[in-house]
Amino acid sequence: MSIGAVARRGKDAAIVALAVLLAASWAYFLTRPTAQAPELLTDPDVLIIGMDISDAVSLDPARAYELTSCLVVNQLYDKLVDFEPPDYSEPVPEVAESWEVLDDGVTWIFHIRKGIMFTDGTPLTAEAVAFSLKRVLKLQQAPSWVLTQFGITEDSIEVVDNYTVKIRLGRKVAPRIFLSCLAFTVGAIVNPNEVKAHEKEGDLASEWMTDHSAGSGPFILEKWERESEIVLVANENYWKGKPRLKKIIIRHVPEPTDQLLLLEKGDIDIAWSLTPDQIEEVRDKVGIKVVSVPAYEKVYLGMNVGFKPFSDERVREAIRWAIDYDAILRLLKGGAMKLQTFIEKGIPGYNPDAPYYRDVEKARKLLAEAGYPEGFEVELMAPPTFPYRDIAAIVKQNLEEVGIRVRIRLVTAAEMYEKYRKQGHQLILARWGADYPDPDALAKPFADYRVKQLAWRNMWYDDYAADLVEKAAVEMDWSKRLKMYHELTEYVLHKGPYVILYQVVRQVALRTWVENFYPDPSFFLLDLSRVYKERVYGYGGA
């Protein structure tokens, strides 16, 4: 072989080697984890959520009334109607494929969808619907009021045929109110066969259903280990189509710091309750994203009109002008948004009017006109936890700048609300959420003292507001009803016993491989049946 041939062969070999090296490098580039696609560290078929589950009392839908309980129950059961995330504007059909209200305005006919099966293969019929609703009325547990407020009794629920149910209300009510309440987890449809098989001493299987499921929903309860984890497995025969996840594990991780650590390591997929500072910390981290939604919750100051200075509307107005709302929003770093009326953004009837800002001179002038040129002393009750203690400090500083001397009293939430329910406060920093996504759920507590909730607690006995709440609740014309709530929110904004400080923004941190997750603005509408984990990341587990 000539020297030239050897040289050519060496050159060819070098080219081949270079080509192999380039191909290998390109292959590595295509498959290596990137800033947008880190290696998937948890099982792609299993969603792991880290949160505090210590509030859960029971997973029986007739008893569930806490965040964790309702979150889980909504994965296990179907209801007559539901809301479709991320749009919560109108109830949509679920077990009931259609319905109508008769001319009397109180008789409702629900047509049940055929082909739905409970997880044991039993058909879901009108009998199961009637049985489930009557079971709630018989057990009379905490959430039962959501149904009993309409005057429903066991005798007013009737099975017309296998797939038709008639429900007669005790009074006429705007349709959206009733439908919104049926979408609450207390309206879940349970399997009568399972209930009867596990009933003990007339408890309608409530003890058994505390940690077992008997539904037709997208998931089945596998186990609940207290203070450890709740495990759900997919219902492979779910009538809407089997869930994209095979299992959901909700791990008890009460401390946000621990949730953050586990999320960063990739040991959990979702960190449920990080603090605003922690959310800011992870917002731009590789492999983590933050999703948020305006929650159906607000934080407000309640002024007891029975405390002499607060009986004067000018004093209440002065306090509204004294508060530095922007300072409170800055404190919460994206965990809050501006709100000064009592219906939250996301619920029909929301009124964006927010006229108040910090105006010390205007506040002082109003106090002087009311006969308090030197101010007065007041006690502010607040919980001792973040962010309430910090907000209380801001409020104290703001009010003292206009001459109102504030004594902050930090007490546990349980003690504070017990005193609040007995009208035993002067000024209180509290939180309130909607029990169902209809303006009526907020109009009643904030404006109608007759229902003995917030207006009553603050001794604001205003008949004009209370009458308007009652009229709006029975107005069948939706556009007229919305006008009533606009009028009512404006009235309460200026004359009511509240300083509404902000609307809570729910922020959830999750790994970027989690798809189709919509945070729940309430505490009972979360739907995990469509959530999945993007497999393009590659699974690094065993």
Protein backbone atom coordinates (compact mmCIF):
# COMPACT_ATOMS: atom_id res chain seq x y z
CA MET A 1 0.00 0.00 0.00
CA SER A 2 1.37 3.43 -0.97
CA ILE A 3 2.05 6.16 1.50
CA GLY A 4 -0.72 8.18 -0.21
CA ALA A 5 -3.22 5.38 0.25
CA VAL A 6 -2.31 5.12 3.93
CA ALA A 7 -2.75 8.86 4.31
CA ARG A 8 -6.14 8.74 2.54
CA ARG A 9 -7.26 5.82 4.74
CA GLY A 10 -6.15 7.75 7.86
CA LYS A 11 -8.02 10.80 6.67
CA ASP A 12 -11.15 8.75 5.95
CA ALA A 13 -10.95 7.15 9.39
CA ALA A 14 -10.64 10.57 10.98
CA ILE A 15 -13.70 11.79 9.10
CA VAL A 16 -15.68 8.72 10.16
CA ALA A 17 -14.57 9.17 13.76
CA LEU A 18 -15.55 12.82 13.65
CA ALA A 19 -18.94 11.94 12.18
CA VAL A 20 -19.54 9.37 14.91
CA LEU A 21 -18.55 11.91 17.55
CA LEU A 22 -20.87 14.55 16.08
CA ALA A 23 -23.73 12.07 15.85
CA ALA A 24 -23.22 11.04 19.46
CA SER A 25 -23.10 14.68 20.55
CA TRP A 26 -26.28 15.48 18.62
CA ALA A 27 -28.02 12.45 20.10
CA TYR A 28 -26.98 13.62 23.58
CA PHE A 29 -28.26 17.13 22.84
CA LEU A 30 -31.62 15.75 21.78
CA THR A 31 -32.04 13.51 24.81
CA ARG A 32 -30.33 15.39 27.62
CA PRO A 33 -32.47 17.25 30.20
CA THR A 34 -32.93 20.91 29.28
CA ALA A 35 -34.00 23.97 31.22
CA GLN A 36 -37.49 23.42 29.88
CA ALA A 37 -37.51 19.65 30.22
CA PRO A 38 -35.71 18.33 33.31
CA GLU A 39 -35.62 14.63 33.96
CA LEU A 40 -38.92 13.28 35.29
CA LEU A 41 -38.11 12.03 38.77
CA THR A 42 -41.47 10.56 39.82
CA ASP A 43 -43.51 7.78 38.24
CA PRO A 44 -45.25 9.23 35.14
CA ASP A 45 -48.49 7.44 36.07
CA VAL A 46 -48.54 8.69 39.67
CA LEU A 47 -49.23 12.25 40.82
CA ILE A 48 -47.75 13.11 44.22
CA ILE A 49 -49.11 16.13 46.09
CA GLY A 50 -47.51 17.51 49.24
CA MET A 51 -49.93 19.28 51.57
CA ASP A 52 -51.23 19.41 55.12
CA ILE A 53 -54.03 16.84 55.34
CA SER A 54 -54.55 17.09 59.11
CA ASP A 55 -57.84 18.97 58.66
CA ALA A 56 -59.57 15.94 57.11
CA VAL A 57 -62.29 14.50 59.36
CA SER A 58 -64.24 12.22 57.04
CA LEU A 59 -64.37 11.30 53.35
CA ASP A 60 -68.10 10.64 53.56
CA PRO A 61 -69.64 13.30 51.27
CA ALA A 62 -72.47 13.80 53.76
CA ARG A 63 -69.88 14.86 56.37
CA ALA A 64 -66.94 16.30 54.41
CA TYR A 65 -66.63 20.03 55.05
CA GLU A 66 -62.89 20.69 55.22
CA LEU A 67 -60.49 21.55 52.40
CA THR A 68 -58.75 18.17 52.25
CA SER A 69 -61.97 16.19 52.73
CA CYS A 70 -63.82 18.03 49.97
CA LEU A 71 -60.81 17.97 47.64
CA VAL A 72 -60.65 14.16 47.89
CA VAL A 73 -64.41 13.57 47.80
CA ASN A 74 -64.64 15.47 44.52
CA GLN A 75 -62.31 12.91 42.91
CA LEU A 76 -64.38 9.94 44.14
CA TYR A 77 -67.97 10.90 43.32
CA ASP A 78 -70.18 12.45 40.67
CA LYS A 79 -72.91 15.02 41.32
CA LEU A 80 -76.08 16.00 39.49
CA VAL A 81 -74.32 19.09 38.16
CA ASP A 82 -70.79 20.43 38.35
CA PHE A 83 -68.55 23.29 37.20
CA GLU A 84 -66.06 22.77 34.38
CA PRO A 85 -62.55 24.12 35.10
CA PRO A 86 -61.17 26.57 34.31
CA ASP A 87 -64.56 28.18 33.57
CA TYR A 88 -66.72 28.37 36.69
CA SER A 89 -69.31 30.78 35.35
CA GLU A 90 -72.19 28.34 34.88
CA PRO A 91 -73.13 24.89 36.27
CA VAL A 92 -72.93 22.13 33.66
CA PRO A 93 -74.66 18.72 33.46
CA GLU A 94 -73.00 15.71 35.05
CA VAL A 95 -75.15 12.85 36.39
CA ALA A 96 -78.19 14.87 35.33
CA GLU A 97 -78.03 15.30 31.57
CA SER A 98 -80.85 17.87 31.68
CA TRP A 99 -83.40 19.44 34.00
CA GLU A 100 -86.34 21.80 34.05
CA VAL A 101 -88.26 23.88 36.59
CA LEU A 102 -92.04 23.67 36.49
CA ASP A 103 -94.25 26.76 36.34
CA ASP A 104 -94.68 26.82 40.11
CA GLY A 105 -90.99 27.73 40.42
CA VAL A 106 -90.33 25.16 43.15
CA THR A 107 -90.59 21.78 41.40
CA TRP A 108 -87.45 20.58 39.66
CA ILE A 109 -87.26 17.59 37.32
CA PHE A 110 -83.83 16.01 36.76
CA HIS A 111 -83.25 13.55 33.92
CA ILE A 112 -80.49 11.13 34.88
CA ARG A 113 -77.84 10.14 32.35
CA LYS A 114 -78.01 6.46 31.35
CA GLY A 115 -74.95 4.23 31.33
CA ILE A 116 -73.18 5.50 34.46
CA MET A 117 -71.91 2.71 36.70
CA PHE A 118 -70.67 2.73 40.26
CA THR A 119 -67.22 1.22 40.70
CA ASP A 120 -68.75 -2.17 41.65
CA GLY A 121 -70.69 -2.29 38.34
CA THR A 122 -74.06 -1.25 39.79
CA PRO A 123 -75.98 1.16 37.52
CA LEU A 124 -76.44 4.69 38.82
CA THR A 125 -80.19 5.38 38.65
CA ALA A 126 -82.74 7.84 39.95
CA GLU A 127 -83.08 5.65 43.04
CA ALA A 128 -79.41 6.22 43.88
CA VAL A 129 -79.80 10.00 43.44
CA ALA A 130 -82.83 10.13 45.74
CA PHE A 131 -81.16 7.82 48.26
CA SER A 132 -78.02 10.00 48.38
CA LEU A 133 -79.86 13.28 48.93
CA LYS A 134 -82.18 11.77 51.54
CA ARG A 135 -79.14 10.29 53.29
CA VAL A 136 -77.70 13.81 53.71
CA LEU A 137 -80.98 14.98 55.27
CA LYS A 138 -81.10 12.00 57.64
CA LEU A 139 -77.51 12.33 58.84
CA GLN A 140 -77.81 16.10 59.40
CA GLN A 141 -74.06 16.69 59.41
CA ALA A 142 -72.32 20.08 59.06
CA PRO A 143 -72.68 20.55 55.26
CA SER A 144 -76.34 19.46 55.17
CA TRP A 145 -77.46 23.10 55.40
CA VAL A 146 -76.37 23.56 51.78
CA LEU A 147 -79.46 21.49 50.84
CA THR A 148 -81.80 22.10 53.79
CA GLN A 149 -81.69 25.88 53.26
CA PHE A 150 -84.10 25.33 50.35
CA GLY A 151 -86.69 23.63 52.54
CA ILE A 152 -86.00 20.20 51.04
CA THR A 153 -87.28 17.26 53.08
CA GLU A 154 -87.14 13.51 52.50
CA ASP A 155 -90.78 13.62 51.36
CA SER A 156 -90.00 16.29 48.77
CA ILE A 157 -87.57 14.02 46.88
CA GLU A 158 -89.39 11.60 44.58
CA VAL A 159 -88.31 8.92 42.09
CA VAL A 160 -90.51 9.33 39.01
CA ASP A 161 -88.96 6.45 37.07
CA ASN A 162 -85.55 4.75 36.77
CA TYR A 163 -83.95 7.84 35.29
CA THR A 164 -86.07 10.75 36.51
CA VAL A 165 -86.02 12.47 39.90
CA LYS A 166 -88.39 15.15 41.15
CA ILE A 167 -87.29 17.57 43.88
CA ARG A 168 -89.72 20.03 45.38
CA LEU A 169 -88.24 23.04 47.17
CA GLY A 170 -89.88 24.70 50.13
CA ARG A 171 -89.77 28.08 48.39
CA LYS A 172 -89.00 29.60 45.02
CA VAL A 173 -85.35 30.41 44.48
CA ALA A 174 -83.23 31.70 41.61
CA PRO A 175 -82.22 28.59 39.60
CA ARG A 176 -78.49 29.27 39.65
CA ILE A 177 -78.42 29.27 43.46
CA PHE A 178 -79.92 25.79 43.72
CA LEU A 179 -77.73 24.37 40.94
CA SER A 180 -74.58 25.85 42.47
CA CYS A 181 -75.40 24.19 45.78
CA LEU A 182 -75.98 20.82 44.09
CA ALA A 183 -72.42 21.13 42.76
CA PHE A 184 -71.07 21.16 46.32
CA THR A 185 -69.62 17.83 47.47
CA VAL A 186 -72.57 17.21 49.79
CA GLY A 187 -74.56 16.57 46.59
CA ALA A 188 -72.38 13.58 45.65
CA ILE A 189 -74.20 10.44 44.52
CA VAL A 190 -73.34 7.35 46.59
CA ASN A 191 -73.95 3.67 45.88
CA PRO A 192 -76.96 2.53 47.96
CA ASN A 193 -75.82 -1.11 47.83
CA GLU A 194 -72.46 -0.27 49.41
CA VAL A 195 -74.08 1.90 52.05
CA LYS A 196 -76.59 -0.77 53.05
CA ALA A 197 -73.89 -3.45 53.11
CA HIS A 198 -71.75 -1.49 55.58
CA GLU A 199 -74.41 0.18 57.71
CA LYS A 200 -74.04 -0.17 61.49
CA GLU A 201 -76.79 0.67 63.94
CA GLY A 202 -78.54 3.02 61.55
CA ASP A 203 -75.44 5.13 60.73
CA LEU A 204 -76.05 4.76 56.98
CA ALA A 205 -72.46 3.47 56.71
CA SER A 206 -71.05 6.84 57.75
CA GLU A 207 -68.34 5.20 59.85
CA TRP A 208 -67.29 2.92 56.97
CA MET A 209 -67.41 5.75 54.42
CA THR A 210 -65.05 7.85 56.50
CA ASP A 211 -62.16 6.03 54.85
CA HIS A 212 -63.81 4.06 52.02
CA SER A 213 -65.47 5.23 48.82
CA ALA A 214 -68.74 4.19 47.20
CA GLY A 215 -68.99 6.38 44.16
CA SER A 216 -68.91 6.51 40.37
CA GLY A 217 -66.17 9.13 40.08
CA PRO A 218 -62.83 9.04 38.25
CA PHE A 219 -60.93 7.66 41.25
CA ILE A 220 -61.39 5.07 44.00
CA LEU A 221 -60.08 5.48 47.54
CA GLU A 222 -57.35 2.89 48.11
CA LYS A 223 -56.35 3.97 51.61
CA TRP A 224 -56.18 6.83 54.07
CA GLU A 225 -53.43 6.63 56.64
CA ARG A 226 -53.99 9.46 59.13
CA GLU A 227 -51.18 12.01 59.25
CA SER A 228 -49.41 10.09 56.48
CA GLU A 229 -51.11 9.86 53.09
CA ILE A 230 -54.31 9.47 51.11
CA VAL A 231 -54.03 7.22 48.06
CA LEU A 232 -56.48 7.18 45.14
CA VAL A 233 -56.42 4.77 42.20
CA ALA A 234 -57.98 5.30 38.79
CA ASN A 235 -61.47 4.06 38.01
CA GLU A 236 -60.65 2.27 34.75
CA ASN A 237 -64.35 2.15 33.80
CA TYR A 238 -65.15 5.80 34.44
CA TRP A 239 -68.01 6.87 32.20
CA LYS A 240 -66.22 10.02 30.98
CA GLY A 241 -63.14 7.98 30.09
CA LYS A 242 -60.48 6.58 32.39
CA PRO A 243 -58.22 9.17 34.05
CA ARG A 244 -54.80 9.77 32.53
CA LEU A 245 -53.16 9.06 35.89
CA LYS A 246 -53.21 5.60 37.45
CA LYS A 247 -52.73 6.84 40.99
CA ILE A 248 -52.78 9.99 43.12
CA ILE A 249 -50.84 10.15 46.38
CA ILE A 250 -51.58 13.04 48.72
CA ARG A 251 -48.73 13.06 51.23
CA HIS A 252 -49.06 14.73 54.60
CA VAL A 253 -46.42 17.46 54.48
CA PRO A 254 -47.67 20.14 56.88
CA GLU A 255 -44.67 22.48 56.72
CA PRO A 256 -44.31 24.65 53.59
CA THR A 257 -40.51 24.50 53.97
CA ASP A 258 -40.64 20.72 53.66
CA GLN A 259 -42.98 20.96 50.68
CA LEU A 260 -40.52 23.29 48.98
CA LEU A 261 -37.57 20.96 49.59
CA LEU A 262 -39.44 17.93 48.26
CA LEU A 263 -40.61 19.86 45.19
CA GLU A 264 -37.11 21.03 44.35
CA LYS A 265 -35.74 17.49 44.74
CA GLY A 266 -38.50 16.16 42.47
CA ASP A 267 -39.91 13.89 45.19
CA ILE A 268 -43.36 15.48 44.87
CA ASP A 269 -45.07 16.92 41.80
CA ILE A 270 -47.15 19.62 43.51
CA ALA A 271 -46.46 21.76 46.59
CA TRP A 272 -49.86 22.87 47.78
CA SER A 273 -49.26 25.67 50.26
CA LEU A 274 -45.99 27.53 49.85
CA THR A 275 -45.68 30.98 51.40
CA PRO A 276 -45.56 34.07 49.17
CA ASP A 277 -41.80 34.33 49.76
CA GLN A 278 -41.32 30.69 48.73
CA ILE A 279 -43.47 31.18 45.63
CA GLU A 280 -41.24 34.08 44.62
CA GLU A 281 -38.18 31.92 45.26
CA VAL A 282 -39.26 29.11 42.92
CA ARG A 283 -41.09 31.13 40.27
CA ASP A 284 -38.10 31.23 37.90
CA LYS A 285 -36.41 27.98 38.88
CA VAL A 286 -35.70 25.41 36.20
CA GLY A 287 -38.25 22.61 36.23
CA ILE A 288 -40.84 24.43 38.40
CA LYS A 289 -43.84 26.51 37.43
CA VAL A 290 -46.39 28.46 39.42
CA VAL A 291 -50.08 28.49 38.54
CA SER A 292 -52.54 30.79 40.22
CA VAL A 293 -56.22 31.68 40.29
CA PRO A 294 -58.25 34.35 42.12
CA ALA A 295 -59.75 32.36 44.98
CA TYR A 296 -63.29 32.71 46.28
CA GLU A 297 -61.89 34.10 49.53
CA LYS A 298 -61.30 37.54 50.94
CA VAL A 299 -59.71 39.11 54.02
CA TYR A 300 -61.52 42.01 55.67
CA LEU A 301 -61.88 44.12 58.79
CA GLY A 302 -65.19 43.76 60.59
CA MET A 303 -66.36 46.81 62.59
CA ASN A 304 -68.88 46.06 65.33
CA VAL A 305 -71.58 48.73 65.02
CA GLY A 306 -72.46 48.03 68.67
CA PHE A 307 -69.14 49.67 69.61
CA LYS A 308 -70.18 53.34 69.80
CA PRO A 309 -67.71 54.99 67.39
CA PHE A 310 -68.54 52.43 64.68
CA SER A 311 -72.26 53.21 64.83
CA ASP A 312 -71.45 56.40 62.90
CA GLU A 313 -71.07 55.81 59.15
CA ARG A 314 -68.49 58.61 58.97
CA VAL A 315 -66.19 56.72 61.34
CA ARG A 316 -66.47 53.58 59.23
CA GLU A 317 -65.71 55.64 56.12
CA ALA A 318 -62.73 57.21 57.87
CA ILE A 319 -61.23 53.80 58.56
CA ARG A 320 -61.71 52.77 54.93
CA TRP A 321 -59.78 55.89 53.85
CA ALA A 322 -57.04 55.35 56.45
CA ILE A 323 -55.86 51.92 55.24
CA ASP A 324 -52.80 51.48 53.03
CA TYR A 325 -54.19 48.72 50.79
CA ASP A 326 -51.13 48.70 48.53
CA ALA A 327 -48.82 47.99 51.48
CA ILE A 328 -50.88 44.90 52.28
CA LEU A 329 -50.73 43.73 48.66
CA ARG A 330 -46.95 44.21 48.65
CA LEU A 331 -46.67 42.13 51.80
CA LEU A 332 -48.39 39.20 50.08
CA LYS A 333 -46.22 39.29 46.93
CA GLY A 334 -48.75 38.06 44.38
CA GLY A 335 -50.85 36.10 46.87
CA ALA A 336 -53.53 38.80 46.86
CA MET A 337 -55.34 41.14 44.49
CA LYS A 338 -57.29 44.33 45.01
CA LEU A 339 -60.91 43.88 46.10
CA GLN A 340 -63.15 46.25 48.04
CA THR A 341 -66.62 44.84 47.36
CA PHE A 342 -67.94 41.60 48.84
CA ILE A 343 -68.31 39.43 45.69
CA GLU A 344 -64.99 38.02 44.52
CA LYS A 345 -63.72 38.15 40.97
CA GLY A 346 -64.73 34.92 39.25
CA ILE A 347 -68.21 34.84 40.76
CA PRO A 348 -71.09 36.43 38.80
CA GLY A 349 -71.98 39.80 40.29
CA TYR A 350 -68.35 40.76 40.93
CA ASN A 351 -68.09 44.53 41.23
CA PRO A 352 -64.56 45.88 40.50
CA ASP A 353 -65.27 49.26 42.13
CA ALA A 354 -62.35 50.07 44.46
CA PRO A 355 -62.57 53.78 45.35
CA TYR A 356 -60.63 53.72 48.62
CA TYR A 357 -56.93 54.44 49.03
CA ARG A 358 -54.84 55.82 51.87
CA ASP A 359 -55.89 59.44 52.44
CA VAL A 360 -54.92 60.53 55.95
CA GLU A 361 -56.41 64.00 55.71
CA LYS A 362 -59.78 62.76 54.48
CA ALA A 363 -59.89 60.17 57.27
CA ARG A 364 -59.08 62.78 59.93
CA LYS A 365 -61.72 65.13 58.56
CA LEU A 366 -64.41 62.43 58.70
CA LEU A 367 -63.44 61.55 62.28
CA ALA A 368 -63.68 65.21 63.30
CA GLU A 369 -67.12 65.53 61.65
CA ALA A 370 -68.27 62.47 63.59
CA GLY A 371 -67.15 64.03 66.88
CA TYR A 372 -63.81 62.25 67.29
CA PRO A 373 -61.18 64.90 66.43
CA GLU A 374 -58.76 63.23 68.85
CA GLY A 375 -59.66 59.73 67.73
CA PHE A 376 -60.48 56.91 70.15
CA GLU A 377 -59.15 53.59 71.41
CA VAL A 378 -60.12 50.25 69.85
CA GLU A 379 -59.15 46.60 70.21
CA LEU A 380 -58.23 44.72 67.03
CA MET A 381 -58.53 40.92 67.22
CA ALA A 382 -56.50 38.86 64.76
CA PRO A 383 -55.02 35.37 64.42
CA PRO A 384 -51.35 35.07 65.47
CA THR A 385 -50.22 33.52 62.18
CA PHE A 386 -48.90 34.92 58.90
CA PRO A 387 -50.14 37.04 57.22
CA TYR A 388 -52.70 38.21 59.78
CA ARG A 389 -50.28 39.39 62.46
CA ASP A 390 -48.37 41.39 59.83
CA ILE A 391 -51.55 42.88 58.36
CA ALA A 392 -52.70 43.79 61.86
CA ALA A 393 -49.46 45.69 62.37
CA ILE A 394 -50.04 47.66 59.15
CA VAL A 395 -53.63 48.45 60.17
CA LYS A 396 -52.48 49.58 63.62
CA GLN A 397 -49.91 51.95 62.13
CA ASN A 398 -52.40 53.32 59.58
CA LEU A 399 -55.13 53.98 62.13
CA GLU A 400 -52.79 55.55 64.65
CA GLU A 401 -51.73 58.03 61.97
CA VAL A 402 -55.31 59.34 61.93
CA GLY A 403 -55.62 59.35 65.72
CA ILE A 404 -57.20 55.92 66.39
CA ARG A 405 -55.20 54.11 69.06
CA VAL A 406 -55.19 50.35 68.39
CA ARG A 407 -54.56 47.52 70.85
CA ILE A 408 -53.81 44.35 68.90
CA ARG A 409 -55.05 41.15 70.51
CA LEU A 410 -53.63 38.04 68.85
CA VAL A 411 -55.70 34.94 69.61
CA THR A 412 -56.11 31.52 68.03
CA ALA A 413 -58.57 31.36 65.17
CA ALA A 414 -60.85 29.05 67.18
CA GLU A 415 -61.03 31.50 70.11
CA MET A 416 -61.39 34.51 67.84
CA TYR A 417 -64.28 33.12 65.82
CA GLU A 418 -66.08 31.90 68.93
CA LYS A 419 -66.02 35.46 70.28
CA TYR A 420 -66.93 36.86 66.85
CA ARG A 421 -70.02 34.66 66.61
CA LYS A 422 -71.21 36.19 69.90
CA GLN A 423 -70.67 39.79 68.70
CA GLY A 424 -67.87 40.04 71.26
CA HIS A 425 -65.37 42.13 69.28
CA GLN A 426 -64.73 45.75 68.43
CA LEU A 427 -62.54 45.46 65.33
CA ILE A 428 -61.61 42.08 63.82
CA LEU A 429 -59.33 40.86 61.04
CA ALA A 430 -61.02 37.85 59.47
CA ARG A 431 -61.33 35.75 56.34
CA TRP A 432 -64.40 34.54 54.47
CA GLY A 433 -64.95 32.24 51.51
CA ALA A 434 -67.94 31.40 49.34
CA ASP A 435 -69.61 28.05 50.08
CA TYR A 436 -70.94 27.92 46.52
CA PRO A 437 -70.04 30.01 43.44
CA ASP A 438 -73.16 32.16 43.32
CA PRO A 439 -73.48 35.77 44.54
CA ASP A 440 -76.16 34.66 46.99
CA ALA A 441 -73.47 32.79 48.97
CA LEU A 442 -71.85 36.15 49.75
CA ALA A 443 -74.85 38.46 49.82
CA LYS A 444 -76.48 36.54 52.66
CA PRO A 445 -73.56 36.68 55.12
CA PHE A 446 -72.37 40.19 54.27
CA ALA A 447 -75.70 42.00 53.90
CA ASP A 448 -78.59 40.08 55.49
CA TYR A 449 -78.45 40.23 59.30
CA ARG A 450 -81.45 37.89 59.48
CA VAL A 451 -79.32 34.86 58.59
CA LYS A 452 -77.13 35.66 61.63
CA GLN A 453 -73.78 35.56 59.92
CA LEU A 454 -71.39 38.47 59.30
CA ALA A 455 -73.81 41.40 59.17
CA TRP A 456 -75.41 40.14 62.38
CA ARG A 457 -72.05 39.52 64.08
CA ASN A 458 -71.12 43.14 63.37
CA MET A 459 -74.56 44.29 64.61
CA TRP A 460 -75.36 45.92 61.27
CA TYR A 461 -79.14 45.61 61.19
CA ASP A 462 -79.90 47.23 57.86
CA ASP A 463 -83.33 46.29 56.50
CA TYR A 464 -82.75 47.84 53.08
CA ALA A 465 -79.75 45.58 52.50
CA ALA A 466 -81.45 42.51 53.97
CA ASP A 467 -84.58 43.01 51.86
CA LEU A 468 -82.49 43.40 48.70
CA VAL A 469 -80.67 40.12 49.45
CA GLU A 470 -83.99 38.31 49.78
CA LYS A 471 -85.40 39.84 46.59
CA ALA A 472 -82.31 38.92 44.57
CA ALA A 473 -82.48 35.32 45.79
CA VAL A 474 -85.91 34.80 44.21
CA GLU A 475 -85.45 36.88 41.07
CA MET A 476 -85.77 34.48 38.14
CA ASP A 477 -84.51 36.97 35.52
CA TRP A 478 -80.71 36.68 35.51
CA SER A 479 -80.00 40.18 34.18
CA LYS A 480 -82.29 41.79 36.76
CA ARG A 481 -80.67 39.72 39.45
CA LEU A 482 -77.19 40.89 38.49
CA LYS A 483 -78.34 44.53 38.66
CA MET A 484 -79.59 43.89 42.19
CA TYR A 485 -76.19 42.58 43.24
CA HIS A 486 -74.46 45.59 41.71
CA GLU A 487 -76.71 47.87 43.73
CA LEU A 488 -76.15 45.79 46.85
CA THR A 489 -72.37 45.68 46.56
CA GLU A 490 -72.23 49.45 46.10
CA TYR A 491 -74.48 49.99 49.11
CA VAL A 492 -72.45 47.72 51.40
CA LEU A 493 -69.17 49.19 50.10
CA HIS A 494 -70.04 52.61 51.53
CA LYS A 495 -72.48 51.87 54.34
CA GLY A 496 -71.59 48.41 55.58
CA PRO A 497 -69.45 47.49 58.63
CA TYR A 498 -66.49 46.19 56.60
CA VAL A 499 -63.16 47.23 55.19
CA ILE A 500 -62.46 44.62 52.54
CA LEU A 501 -58.69 44.45 52.20
CA TYR A 502 -58.04 42.02 49.36
CA GLN A 503 -59.04 38.88 47.48
CA VAL A 504 -56.84 35.85 48.05
CA VAL A 505 -54.91 34.59 45.00
CA ARG A 506 -54.32 30.86 45.24
CA GLN A 507 -50.78 30.04 44.09
CA VAL A 508 -49.64 26.46 43.59
CA ALA A 509 -46.10 25.43 42.68
CA LEU A 510 -45.62 22.30 40.58
CA ARG A 511 -43.05 20.57 38.43
CA THR A 512 -43.16 21.53 34.78
CA TRP A 513 -43.95 17.96 33.73
CA VAL A 514 -47.44 18.26 35.30
CA GLU A 515 -50.01 19.21 32.66
CA ASN A 516 -53.69 20.18 32.69
CA PHE A 517 -53.70 21.18 36.36
CA TYR A 518 -56.11 24.01 37.15
CA PRO A 519 -56.05 25.32 40.72
CA ASP A 520 -59.44 25.40 42.40
CA PRO A 521 -60.79 28.88 43.28
CA SER A 522 -63.08 27.25 45.88
CA PHE A 523 -62.30 24.32 48.16
CA PHE A 524 -64.45 21.64 46.54
CA LEU A 525 -64.21 21.92 42.73
CA LEU A 526 -60.70 20.62 42.02
CA ASP A 527 -60.77 18.05 39.19
CA LEU A 528 -57.68 15.84 38.83
CA SER A 529 -59.20 13.45 36.30
CA ARG A 530 -57.62 15.23 33.32
CA VAL A 531 -54.23 15.92 34.87
CA TYR A 532 -51.28 14.04 33.40
CA LYS A 533 -47.49 14.04 33.45
CA GLU A 534 -45.63 14.74 30.24
CA ARG A 535 -43.62 11.62 29.40
CA VAL A 536 -41.30 13.45 26.99
CA TYR A 537 -39.13 14.25 30.00
CA GLY A 538 -38.09 10.64 30.53
CA TYR A 539 -38.48 8.85 33.84
CA GLY A 540 -35.37 8.62 35.97
CA GLY A 541 -36.86 6.22 38.51
CA ALA A 542 -36.27 2.50 38.83
